[in-house]
PDB file of N, CA and C in Angstrom:
ATOM      1  N   UNK A   1     -11.771  42.297  46.816  1.00  0.00           N
ATOM      2  CA  UNK A   1     -12.867  43.113  47.266  1.00  0.00           C
ATOM      3  C   UNK A   1     -12.341  44.527  47.517  1.00  0.00           C
ATOM      4  N   UNK A   2     -12.981  45.505  46.975  1.00  0.00           N
ATOM      5  CA  UNK A   2     -12.598  46.889  47.181  1.00  0.00           C
ATOM      6  C   UNK A   2     -13.106  47.324  48.550  1.00  0.00           C
ATOM      7  N   UNK A   3     -12.184  47.748  49.415  1.00  0.00           N
ATOM      8  CA  UNK A   3     -12.557  48.106  50.774  1.00  0.00           C
ATOM      9  C   UNK A   3     -11.776  49.325  51.216  1.00  0.00           C
ATOM     10  N   UNK A   4     -12.409  50.133  52.035  1.00  0.00           N
ATOM     11  CA  UNK A   4     -11.683  51.205  52.711  1.00  0.00           C
ATOM     12  C   UNK A   4     -12.359  51.414  54.057  1.00  0.00           C
ATOM     13  N   UNK A   5     -11.579  51.867  55.036  1.00  0.00           N
ATOM     14  CA  UNK A   5     -12.115  52.026  56.383  1.00  0.00           C
ATOM     15  C   UNK A   5     -11.898  53.447  56.870  1.00  0.00           C
ATOM     16  N   UNK A   6     -12.928  53.999  57.457  1.00  0.00           N
ATOM     17  CA  UNK A   6     -12.866  55.304  58.086  1.00  0.00           C
ATOM     18  C   UNK A   6     -13.630  55.162  59.394  1.00  0.00           C
ATOM     19  N   UNK A   7     -13.029  55.531  60.516  1.00  0.00           N
ATOM     20  CA  UNK A   7     -13.639  55.285  61.820  1.00  0.00           C
ATOM     21  C   UNK A   7     -15.008  55.935  61.963  1.00  0.00           C
ATOM     22  N   UNK A   8     -15.254  57.021  61.262  1.00  0.00           N
ATOM     23  CA  UNK A   8     -16.546  57.685  61.389  1.00  0.00           C
ATOM     24  C   UNK A   8     -17.589  57.104  60.435  1.00  0.00           C
ATOM     25  N   UNK A   9     -17.156  56.325  59.468  1.00  0.00           N
ATOM     26  CA  UNK A   9     -18.066  55.820  58.447  1.00  0.00           C
ATOM     27  C   UNK A   9     -18.168  54.296  58.494  1.00  0.00           C
ATOM     28  N   UNK A  10     -17.086  53.607  58.646  1.00  0.00           N
ATOM     29  CA  UNK A  10     -17.070  52.151  58.620  1.00  0.00           C
ATOM     30  C   UNK A  10     -16.282  51.656  57.427  1.00  0.00           C
ATOM     31  N   UNK A  11     -16.568  50.457  57.031  1.00  0.00           N
ATOM     32  CA  UNK A  11     -15.862  49.820  55.924  1.00  0.00           C
ATOM     33  C   UNK A  11     -16.755  49.845  54.700  1.00  0.00           C
ATOM     34  N   UNK A  12     -16.227  50.318  53.604  1.00  0.00           N
ATOM     35  CA  UNK A  12     -16.969  50.350  52.351  1.00  0.00           C
ATOM     36  C   UNK A  12     -16.644  49.087  51.568  1.00  0.00           C
ATOM     37  N   UNK A  13     -17.676  48.322  51.213  1.00  0.00           N
ATOM     38  CA  UNK A  13     -17.502  47.054  50.514  1.00  0.00           C
ATOM     39  C   UNK A  13     -18.373  47.040  49.268  1.00  0.00           C
ATOM     40  N   UNK A  14     -17.789  46.714  48.135  1.00  0.00           N
ATOM     41  CA  UNK A  14     -18.528  46.573  46.895  1.00  0.00           C
ATOM     42  C   UNK A  14     -18.983  45.114  46.770  1.00  0.00           C
ATOM     43  N   UNK A  15     -20.207  44.873  46.355  1.00  0.00           N
ATOM     44  CA  UNK A  15     -20.736  43.521  46.162  1.00  0.00           C
ATOM     45  C   UNK A  15     -20.334  43.025  44.778  1.00  0.00           C
ATOM     46  N   UNK A  16     -19.626  41.913  44.761  1.00  0.00           N
ATOM     47  CA  UNK A  16     -19.184  41.291  43.521  1.00  0.00           C
ATOM     48  C   UNK A  16     -20.013  40.045  43.225  1.00  0.00           C
ATOM     49  N   UNK A  17     -19.903  39.555  42.013  1.00  0.00           N
ATOM     50  CA  UNK A  17     -20.664  38.384  41.568  1.00  0.00           C
ATOM     51  C   UNK A  17     -20.426  37.190  42.487  1.00  0.00           C
ATOM     52  N   UNK A  18     -19.215  37.039  42.984  1.00  0.00           N
ATOM     53  CA  UNK A  18     -18.894  35.907  43.866  1.00  0.00           C
ATOM     54  C   UNK A  18     -19.669  35.945  45.178  1.00  0.00           C
ATOM     55  N   UNK A  19     -20.213  37.107  45.538  1.00  0.00           N
ATOM     56  CA  UNK A  19     -20.958  37.274  46.785  1.00  0.00           C
ATOM     57  C   UNK A  19     -22.439  36.941  46.639  1.00  0.00           C
ATOM     58  N   UNK A  20     -22.892  36.711  45.413  1.00  0.00           N
ATOM     59  CA  UNK A  20     -24.331  36.641  45.159  1.00  0.00           C
ATOM     60  C   UNK A  20     -24.799  35.282  44.631  1.00  0.00           C
ATOM     61  N   UNK A  21     -26.121  35.124  44.679  1.00  0.00           N
ATOM     62  CA  UNK A  21     -26.740  33.959  44.062  1.00  0.00           C
ATOM     63  C   UNK A  21     -27.035  34.269  42.597  1.00  0.00           C
ATOM     64  N   UNK A  22     -27.731  33.382  41.918  1.00  0.00           N
ATOM     65  CA  UNK A  22     -28.013  33.559  40.484  1.00  0.00           C
ATOM     66  C   UNK A  22     -28.887  34.777  40.211  1.00  0.00           C
ATOM     67  N   UNK A  23     -29.619  35.240  41.217  1.00  0.00           N
ATOM     68  CA  UNK A  23     -30.467  36.419  41.055  1.00  0.00           C
ATOM     69  C   UNK A  23     -29.774  37.722  41.388  1.00  0.00           C
ATOM     70  N   UNK A  24     -28.480  37.645  41.753  1.00  0.00           N
ATOM     71  CA  UNK A  24     -27.724  38.858  42.063  1.00  0.00           C
ATOM     72  C   UNK A  24     -27.929  39.369  43.474  1.00  0.00           C
ATOM     73  N   UNK A  25     -28.471  38.543  44.368  1.00  0.00           N
ATOM     74  CA  UNK A  25     -28.688  38.933  45.764  1.00  0.00           C
ATOM     75  C   UNK A  25     -27.602  38.305  46.620  1.00  0.00           C
ATOM     76  N   UNK A  26     -27.075  39.068  47.574  1.00  0.00           N
ATOM     77  CA  UNK A  26     -25.986  38.594  48.434  1.00  0.00           C
ATOM     78  C   UNK A  26     -26.456  37.409  49.281  1.00  0.00           C
ATOM     79  N   UNK A  27     -25.634  36.351  49.315  1.00  0.00           N
ATOM     80  CA  UNK A  27     -25.877  35.210  50.187  1.00  0.00           C
ATOM     81  C   UNK A  27     -25.884  35.706  51.632  1.00  0.00           C
ATOM     82  N   UNK A  28     -26.791  35.187  52.439  1.00  0.00           N
ATOM     83  CA  UNK A  28     -26.911  35.669  53.816  1.00  0.00           C
ATOM     84  C   UNK A  28     -25.606  35.513  54.610  1.00  0.00           C
ATOM     85  N   UNK A  29     -24.853  34.456  54.413  1.00  0.00           N
ATOM     86  CA  UNK A  29     -23.626  34.236  55.176  1.00  0.00           C
ATOM     87  C   UNK A  29     -22.506  35.200  54.775  1.00  0.00           C
ATOM     88  N   UNK A  30     -22.570  35.780  53.585  1.00  0.00           N
ATOM     89  CA  UNK A  30     -21.536  36.720  53.141  1.00  0.00           C
ATOM     90  C   UNK A  30     -21.479  37.950  54.030  1.00  0.00           C
ATOM     91  N   UNK A  31     -22.615  38.316  54.614  1.00  0.00           N
ATOM     92  CA  UNK A  31     -22.626  39.477  55.504  1.00  0.00           C
ATOM     93  C   UNK A  31     -21.675  39.274  56.685  1.00  0.00           C
ATOM     94  N   UNK A  32     -21.531  38.032  57.133  1.00  0.00           N
ATOM     95  CA  UNK A  32     -20.594  37.747  58.221  1.00  0.00           C
ATOM     96  C   UNK A  32     -19.159  38.022  57.788  1.00  0.00           C
ATOM     97  N   UNK A  33     -18.846  37.720  56.536  1.00  0.00           N
ATOM     98  CA  UNK A  33     -17.509  38.030  56.012  1.00  0.00           C
ATOM     99  C   UNK A  33     -17.276  39.539  56.035  1.00  0.00           C
ATOM    100  N   UNK A  34     -18.258  40.286  55.597  1.00  0.00           N
ATOM    101  CA  UNK A  34     -18.135  41.742  55.589  1.00  0.00           C
ATOM    102  C   UNK A  34     -17.953  42.279  57.010  1.00  0.00           C
ATOM    103  N   UNK A  35     -18.726  41.740  57.940  1.00  0.00           N
ATOM    104  CA  UNK A  35     -18.644  42.206  59.323  1.00  0.00           C
ATOM    105  C   UNK A  35     -17.290  41.872  59.937  1.00  0.00           C
ATOM    106  N   UNK A  36     -16.747  40.690  59.622  1.00  0.00           N
ATOM    107  CA  UNK A  36     -15.442  40.313  60.147  1.00  0.00           C
ATOM    108  C   UNK A  36     -14.360  41.253  59.623  1.00  0.00           C
ATOM    109  N   UNK A  37     -14.459  41.649  58.374  1.00  0.00           N
ATOM    110  CA  UNK A  37     -13.494  42.607  57.838  1.00  0.00           C
ATOM    111  C   UNK A  37     -13.607  43.946  58.552  1.00  0.00           C
ATOM    112  N   UNK A  38     -14.822  44.382  58.822  1.00  0.00           N
ATOM    113  CA  UNK A  38     -15.027  45.645  59.541  1.00  0.00           C
ATOM    114  C   UNK A  38     -14.457  45.549  60.951  1.00  0.00           C
ATOM    115  N   UNK A  39     -14.668  44.422  61.595  1.00  0.00           N
ATOM    116  CA  UNK A  39     -14.137  44.225  62.953  1.00  0.00           C
ATOM    117  C   UNK A  39     -12.610  44.252  62.936  1.00  0.00           C
ATOM    118  N   UNK A  40     -12.017  43.574  61.971  1.00  0.00           N
ATOM    119  CA  UNK A  40     -10.565  43.555  61.851  1.00  0.00           C
ATOM    120  C   UNK A  40     -10.020  44.954  61.592  1.00  0.00           C
ATOM    121  N   UNK A  41     -10.672  45.708  60.735  1.00  0.00           N
ATOM    122  CA  UNK A  41     -10.231  47.070  60.453  1.00  0.00           C
ATOM    123  C   UNK A  41     -10.397  47.975  61.672  1.00  0.00           C
ATOM    124  N   UNK A  42     -11.427  47.746  62.474  1.00  0.00           N
ATOM    125  CA  UNK A  42     -11.608  48.519  63.712  1.00  0.00           C
ATOM    126  C   UNK A  42     -10.434  48.272  64.648  1.00  0.00           C
ATOM    127  N   UNK A  43     -10.043  47.002  64.801  1.00  0.00           N
ATOM    128  CA  UNK A  43      -8.894  46.650  65.647  1.00  0.00           C
ATOM    129  C   UNK A  43      -7.630  47.299  65.099  1.00  0.00           C
ATOM    130  N   UNK A  44      -7.429  47.214  63.795  1.00  0.00           N
ATOM    131  CA  UNK A  44      -6.247  47.810  63.163  1.00  0.00           C
ATOM    132  C   UNK A  44      -6.236  49.325  63.358  1.00  0.00           C
ATOM    133  N   UNK A  45      -7.399  49.946  63.216  1.00  0.00           N
ATOM    134  CA  UNK A  45      -7.524  51.391  63.389  1.00  0.00           C
ATOM    135  C   UNK A  45      -7.141  51.824  64.805  1.00  0.00           C
ATOM    136  N   UNK A  46      -7.342  50.946  65.770  1.00  0.00           N
ATOM    137  CA  UNK A  46      -6.987  51.234  67.159  1.00  0.00           C
ATOM    138  C   UNK A  46      -5.494  51.048  67.418  1.00  0.00           C
ATOM    139  N   UNK A  47      -4.741  50.683  66.381  1.00  0.00           N
ATOM    140  CA  UNK A  47      -3.296  50.576  66.517  1.00  0.00           C
ATOM    141  C   UNK A  47      -2.798  49.214  66.962  1.00  0.00           C
ATOM    142  N   UNK A  48      -3.657  48.219  66.931  1.00  0.00           N
ATOM    143  CA  UNK A  48      -3.264  46.882  67.343  1.00  0.00           C
ATOM    144  C   UNK A  48      -2.603  46.167  66.171  1.00  0.00           C
ATOM    145  N   UNK A  49      -1.421  45.640  66.399  1.00  0.00           N
ATOM    146  CA  UNK A  49      -0.709  44.880  65.374  1.00  0.00           C
ATOM    147  C   UNK A  49      -1.226  43.455  65.336  1.00  0.00           C
ATOM    148  N   UNK A  50      -1.980  43.117  64.323  1.00  0.00           N
ATOM    149  CA  UNK A  50      -2.598  41.789  64.265  1.00  0.00           C
ATOM    150  C   UNK A  50      -1.564  40.671  64.134  1.00  0.00           C
ATOM    151  N   UNK A  51      -0.561  40.853  63.326  1.00  0.00           N
ATOM    152  CA  UNK A  51       0.474  39.823  63.184  1.00  0.00           C
ATOM    153  C   UNK A  51       1.241  39.640  64.481  1.00  0.00           C
ATOM    154  N   UNK A  52       1.549  40.742  65.141  1.00  0.00           N
ATOM    155  CA  UNK A  52       2.261  40.660  66.420  1.00  0.00           C
ATOM    156  C   UNK A  52       1.405  39.918  67.447  1.00  0.00           C
ATOM    157  N   UNK A  53       0.101  40.176  67.430  1.00  0.00           N
ATOM    158  CA  UNK A  53      -0.795  39.485  68.350  1.00  0.00           C
ATOM    159  C   UNK A  53      -0.807  37.986  68.115  1.00  0.00           C
ATOM    160  N   UNK A  54      -0.845  37.586  66.858  1.00  0.00           N
ATOM    161  CA  UNK A  54      -0.808  36.154  66.544  1.00  0.00           C
ATOM    162  C   UNK A  54       0.497  35.525  67.016  1.00  0.00           C
ATOM    163  N   UNK A  55       1.597  36.232  66.820  1.00  0.00           N
ATOM    164  CA  UNK A  55       2.893  35.725  67.249  1.00  0.00           C
ATOM    165  C   UNK A  55       2.949  35.559  68.766  1.00  0.00           C
ATOM    166  N   UNK A  56       2.215  36.410  69.484  1.00  0.00           N
ATOM    167  CA  UNK A  56       2.175  36.344  70.950  1.00  0.00           C
ATOM    168  C   UNK A  56       0.999  35.507  71.459  1.00  0.00           C
ATOM    169  N   UNK A  57       0.342  34.779  70.546  1.00  0.00           N
ATOM    170  CA  UNK A  57      -0.799  33.910  70.874  1.00  0.00           C
ATOM    171  C   UNK A  57      -1.981  34.694  71.454  1.00  0.00           C
ATOM    172  N   UNK A  58      -2.201  35.901  70.919  1.00  0.00           N
ATOM    173  CA  UNK A  58      -3.338  36.724  71.320  1.00  0.00           C
ATOM    174  C   UNK A  58      -4.433  36.561  70.272  1.00  0.00           C
ATOM    175  N   UNK A  59      -5.631  36.263  70.727  1.00  0.00           N
ATOM    176  CA  UNK A  59      -6.767  36.078  69.820  1.00  0.00           C
ATOM    177  C   UNK A  59      -7.818  37.141  70.076  1.00  0.00           C
ATOM    178  N   UNK A  60      -8.523  37.506  69.041  1.00  0.00           N
ATOM    179  CA  UNK A  60      -9.628  38.457  69.138  1.00  0.00           C
ATOM    180  C   UNK A  60     -10.886  37.683  68.772  1.00  0.00           C
ATOM    181  N   UNK A  61     -11.532  37.134  69.777  1.00  0.00           N
ATOM    182  CA  UNK A  61     -12.614  36.175  69.584  1.00  0.00           C
ATOM    183  C   UNK A  61     -13.975  36.873  69.592  1.00  0.00           C
ATOM    184  N   UNK A  62     -14.826  36.470  68.662  1.00  0.00           N
ATOM    185  CA  UNK A  62     -16.217  36.931  68.647  1.00  0.00           C
ATOM    186  C   UNK A  62     -16.998  36.016  69.577  1.00  0.00           C
ATOM    187  N   UNK A  63     -17.601  36.605  70.592  1.00  0.00           N
ATOM    188  CA  UNK A  63     -18.386  35.818  71.528  1.00  0.00           C
ATOM    189  C   UNK A  63     -19.863  35.770  71.123  1.00  0.00           C
ATOM    190  N   UNK A  64     -20.342  36.890  70.586  1.00  0.00           N
ATOM    191  CA  UNK A  64     -21.752  36.973  70.211  1.00  0.00           C
ATOM    192  C   UNK A  64     -21.892  38.008  69.108  1.00  0.00           C
ATOM    193  N   UNK A  65     -22.850  37.801  68.235  1.00  0.00           N
ATOM    194  CA  UNK A  65     -23.172  38.804  67.239  1.00  0.00           C
ATOM    195  C   UNK A  65     -24.651  38.725  66.927  1.00  0.00           C
ATOM    196  N   UNK A  66     -25.168  39.816  66.432  1.00  0.00           N
ATOM    197  CA  UNK A  66     -26.582  39.878  66.054  1.00  0.00           C
ATOM    198  C   UNK A  66     -26.678  40.503  64.670  1.00  0.00           C
ATOM    199  N   UNK A  67     -27.524  39.928  63.840  1.00  0.00           N
ATOM    200  CA  UNK A  67     -27.708  40.444  62.489  1.00  0.00           C
ATOM    201  C   UNK A  67     -29.201  40.645  62.246  1.00  0.00           C
ATOM    202  N   UNK A  68     -29.514  41.763  61.676  1.00  0.00           N
ATOM    203  CA  UNK A  68     -30.880  42.024  61.229  1.00  0.00           C
ATOM    204  C   UNK A  68     -30.798  42.276  59.734  1.00  0.00           C
ATOM    205  N   UNK A  69     -31.445  41.423  58.956  1.00  0.00           N
ATOM    206  CA  UNK A  69     -31.446  41.581  57.508  1.00  0.00           C
ATOM    207  C   UNK A  69     -32.614  42.487  57.133  1.00  0.00           C
ATOM    208  N   UNK A  70     -32.344  43.770  56.993  1.00  0.00           N
ATOM    209  CA  UNK A  70     -33.402  44.736  56.695  1.00  0.00           C
ATOM    210  C   UNK A  70     -33.822  44.741  55.243  1.00  0.00           C
ATOM    211  N   UNK A  71     -32.864  44.594  54.360  1.00  0.00           N
ATOM    212  CA  UNK A  71     -33.137  44.583  52.923  1.00  0.00           C
ATOM    213  C   UNK A  71     -31.970  43.876  52.241  1.00  0.00           C
ATOM    214  N   UNK A  72     -32.210  43.192  51.145  1.00  0.00           N
ATOM    215  CA  UNK A  72     -31.117  42.466  50.500  1.00  0.00           C
ATOM    216  C   UNK A  72     -30.139  43.412  49.801  1.00  0.00           C
ATOM    217  N   UNK A  73     -28.873  43.065  49.899  1.00  0.00           N
ATOM    218  CA  UNK A  73     -27.859  43.755  49.097  1.00  0.00           C
ATOM    219  C   UNK A  73     -27.778  43.030  47.767  1.00  0.00           C
ATOM    220  N   UNK A  74     -27.453  43.777  46.735  1.00  0.00           N
ATOM    221  CA  UNK A  74     -27.449  43.218  45.384  1.00  0.00           C
ATOM    222  C   UNK A  74     -26.117  43.465  44.682  1.00  0.00           C
ATOM    223  N   UNK A  75     -25.912  42.720  43.636  1.00  0.00           N
ATOM    224  CA  UNK A  75     -24.706  42.830  42.825  1.00  0.00           C
ATOM    225  C   UNK A  75     -24.412  44.289  42.491  1.00  0.00           C
ATOM    226  N   UNK A  76     -23.172  44.678  42.702  1.00  0.00           N
ATOM    227  CA  UNK A  76     -22.632  45.999  42.384  1.00  0.00           C
ATOM    228  C   UNK A  76     -23.009  47.084  43.399  1.00  0.00           C
ATOM    229  N   UNK A  77     -23.784  46.745  44.450  1.00  0.00           N
ATOM    230  CA  UNK A  77     -24.053  47.715  45.510  1.00  0.00           C
ATOM    231  C   UNK A  77     -22.760  48.033  46.247  1.00  0.00           C
ATOM    232  N   UNK A  78     -22.676  49.214  46.810  1.00  0.00           N
ATOM    233  CA  UNK A  78     -21.601  49.550  47.729  1.00  0.00           C
ATOM    234  C   UNK A  78     -22.216  49.636  49.113  1.00  0.00           C
ATOM    235  N   UNK A  79     -21.706  48.803  50.022  1.00  0.00           N
ATOM    236  CA  UNK A  79     -22.249  48.713  51.365  1.00  0.00           C
ATOM    237  C   UNK A  79     -21.358  49.436  52.361  1.00  0.00           C
ATOM    238  N   UNK A  80     -21.959  49.952  53.403  1.00  0.00           N
ATOM    239  CA  UNK A  80     -21.206  50.515  54.534  1.00  0.00           C
ATOM    240  C   UNK A  80     -21.374  49.543  55.682  1.00  0.00           C
ATOM    241  N   UNK A  81     -20.265  48.966  56.106  1.00  0.00           N
ATOM    242  CA  UNK A  81     -20.281  47.932  57.144  1.00  0.00           C
ATOM    243  C   UNK A  81     -19.584  48.499  58.378  1.00  0.00           C
ATOM    244  N   UNK A  82     -20.233  48.378  59.524  1.00  0.00           N
ATOM    245  CA  UNK A  82     -19.635  48.876  60.764  1.00  0.00           C
ATOM    246  C   UNK A  82     -19.524  47.744  61.775  1.00  0.00           C
ATOM    247  N   UNK A  83     -18.595  47.877  62.676  1.00  0.00           N
ATOM    248  CA  UNK A  83     -18.428  46.939  63.770  1.00  0.00           C
ATOM    249  C   UNK A  83     -18.342  47.759  65.049  1.00  0.00           C
ATOM    250  N   UNK A  84     -19.007  47.293  66.066  1.00  0.00           N
ATOM    251  CA  UNK A  84     -18.996  47.998  67.347  1.00  0.00           C
ATOM    252  C   UNK A  84     -18.684  47.009  68.457  1.00  0.00           C
ATOM    253  N   UNK A  85     -17.409  46.774  68.713  1.00  0.00           N
ATOM    254  CA  UNK A  85     -17.037  45.852  69.798  1.00  0.00           C
ATOM    255  C   UNK A  85     -17.504  46.399  71.149  1.00  0.00           C
ATOM    256  N   UNK A  86     -18.013  45.522  71.971  1.00  0.00           N
ATOM    257  CA  UNK A  86     -18.444  45.901  73.322  1.00  0.00           C
ATOM    258  C   UNK A  86     -17.813  44.982  74.343  1.00  0.00           C
TER     259      UNK A  86
END
């Protein structure tokens, strides 16, 4: 998956065939994968060493999330995914 992260923009994700159904629309659960990548990149951007955290038995647990599906993403779209830990 082609991805890049910028703190002011978020994570840029391209939709590939593996993300979609036969009609080229992104499976609803795939959005969670995109959001998890954005969350991980946010943590990394803050200077947290993820491997070091795992070695020290530190976990970054999602307690709650909310998703609003405003419009379907489609094959070959480029999405901007953001995470806002609170």
